[in-house]
Structures are given as structure tokens and as C-alpha cells.
Amino acid sequence: MDLTTFSDQISIFMGRIKENLRLFLEKKEVVKERDPGLEEHLNKAYHEWKEAQNYFNNATEPELIEHASYLIGAAERKYMYLLRRYKEESVEKIT
């Protein structure tokens, strides 16, 4: 047996151990499976935030400027919330 074959076998073995450990931890609810739609929601929230900023930059009437300011704040908070959840799930997935 050459060194490359042994290294490949070790890699396969370690991959199986990692997968079994992940399944075990998910079953025991120590680690949660990532929400598949979270990244999509995060991207959508980012674009909503940028659209709100663009709306603010193009608003001319005082009422529209106030409305745009509200939209920016709401979109930013939504994006930051989803970003925090995404990062937390990424950390949980690694451990």
C-alpha cells in the first residue's frame, strides 16, 4: 500500500466520522440544521436595504424623505437580524 492510498483511506474515514457526528448532534438537537432559505432571505433583505437607500437619495418632498428614512431603518434592522442569525448558524455548523 502506498502513502497516497493510505492518505485517501484516512480522508474517507474521517469524512464518515464527521458526517456521523453531525447526524448524531442534529438528532440530539445540539446542532440545528441550517435553514435553507436563510441565505436567500438575507440576500433579499440586503437588496431591500439598498433600494431604501436609493429611494431616500431620490426623495424630494419632506414627507417622502421621512418615509424613506423609516424604510432605511426598518430594512437595516431586518438585514442585521438575518445576518446575525446567519453567522450564528454558521458557527453552530462548524462546531
Protein backbone atom coordinates (compact mmCIF):
# COMPACT_ATOMS: atom_id res chain seq x y z
CA MET A 1 0.00 0.00 0.00
CA ASP A 2 1.47 3.33 -0.96
CA LEU A 3 1.21 6.53 1.03
CA THR A 4 -1.36 8.13 -1.30
CA THR A 5 -3.81 5.25 -0.95
CA PHE A 6 -3.44 5.28 2.84
CA SER A 7 -4.00 9.05 2.91
CA ASP A 8 -7.13 8.67 0.77
CA GLN A 9 -8.48 5.97 3.07
CA ILE A 10 -7.87 8.16 6.12
CA SER A 11 -9.67 11.06 4.41
CA ILE A 12 -12.68 8.86 3.59
CA PHE A 13 -12.75 7.51 7.14
CA MET A 14 -12.57 10.99 8.68
CA GLY A 15 -15.34 12.20 6.35
CA ARG A 16 -17.59 9.36 7.53
CA ILE A 17 -16.86 10.14 11.17
CA LYS A 18 -17.62 13.84 10.62
CA GLU A 19 -20.92 13.05 8.87
CA ASN A 20 -21.99 10.58 11.56
CA LEU A 21 -21.12 13.08 14.28
CA ARG A 22 -23.14 15.80 12.54
CA LEU A 23 -26.16 13.49 12.21
CA PHE A 24 -25.85 12.47 15.86
CA LEU A 25 -25.67 16.08 17.06
CA GLU A 26 -28.64 17.08 14.89
CA LYS A 27 -30.65 14.15 16.24
CA LYS A 28 -29.85 15.16 19.83
CA GLU A 29 -30.67 18.78 18.85
CA VAL A 30 -27.25 20.00 19.95
CA VAL A 31 -26.69 21.42 16.47
CA LYS A 32 -29.55 22.71 14.36
CA GLU A 33 -29.66 22.15 10.64
CA ARG A 34 -29.29 25.40 8.74
CA ASP A 35 -32.47 26.90 7.36
CA PRO A 36 -32.01 26.54 3.58
CA GLY A 37 -33.96 29.73 2.90
CA LEU A 38 -31.98 31.89 5.33
CA GLU A 39 -29.31 32.86 2.81
CA GLU A 40 -31.99 33.74 0.27
CA HIS A 41 -33.81 35.91 2.85
CA LEU A 42 -30.51 37.55 3.78
CA ASN A 43 -29.78 38.48 0.15
CA LYS A 44 -33.32 39.79 -0.32
CA ALA A 45 -33.06 41.90 2.84
CA TYR A 46 -29.75 43.35 1.65
CA HIS A 47 -31.32 44.40 -1.66
CA GLU A 48 -34.33 45.90 0.16
CA TRP A 49 -31.91 47.93 2.29
CA LYS A 50 -30.05 49.19 -0.80
CA GLU A 51 -33.37 50.03 -2.51
CA ALA A 52 -34.46 52.01 0.56
CA GLN A 53 -31.19 53.96 0.47
CA ASN A 54 -31.70 54.67 -3.23
CA TYR A 55 -35.27 55.79 -2.54
CA PHE A 56 -34.00 58.15 0.18
CA ASN A 57 -31.36 59.60 -2.16
CA ASN A 58 -34.01 60.36 -4.79
CA ALA A 59 -36.77 61.66 -2.49
CA THR A 60 -37.52 65.37 -2.81
CA GLU A 61 -40.61 66.04 -0.70
CA PRO A 62 -40.25 66.27 3.12
CA GLU A 63 -42.91 63.58 3.66
CA LEU A 64 -41.16 61.24 1.24
CA ILE A 65 -37.79 61.87 2.88
CA GLU A 66 -39.30 60.97 6.27
CA HIS A 67 -40.88 57.84 4.79
CA ALA A 68 -37.60 56.86 3.11
CA SER A 69 -35.76 57.36 6.40
CA TYR A 70 -38.20 54.99 8.10
CA LEU A 71 -37.74 52.41 5.32
CA ILE A 72 -33.95 52.56 5.63
CA GLY A 73 -34.11 51.96 9.39
CA ALA A 74 -36.53 49.05 9.07
CA ALA A 75 -34.61 47.43 6.20
CA GLU A 76 -31.30 47.83 8.01
CA ARG A 77 -32.64 46.23 11.21
CA LYS A 78 -34.11 43.34 9.21
CA TYR A 79 -30.82 42.78 7.39
CA MET A 80 -28.75 42.95 10.59
CA TYR A 81 -31.07 40.48 12.32
CA LEU A 82 -30.82 37.98 9.46
CA LEU A 83 -27.06 38.48 9.22
CA ARG A 84 -26.69 37.75 12.93
CA ARG A 85 -28.79 34.57 12.58
CA TYR A 86 -26.77 33.51 9.54
CA LYS A 87 -23.48 33.96 11.40
CA GLU A 88 -24.78 32.12 14.46
CA GLU A 89 -25.89 29.18 12.33
CA SER A 90 -22.52 29.18 10.56
CA VAL A 91 -20.72 28.93 13.91
CA GLU A 92 -23.09 26.17 15.07
CA LYS A 93 -22.49 24.27 11.84
CA ILE A 94 -18.71 24.36 12.32
CA THR A 95 -18.78 23.08 15.90
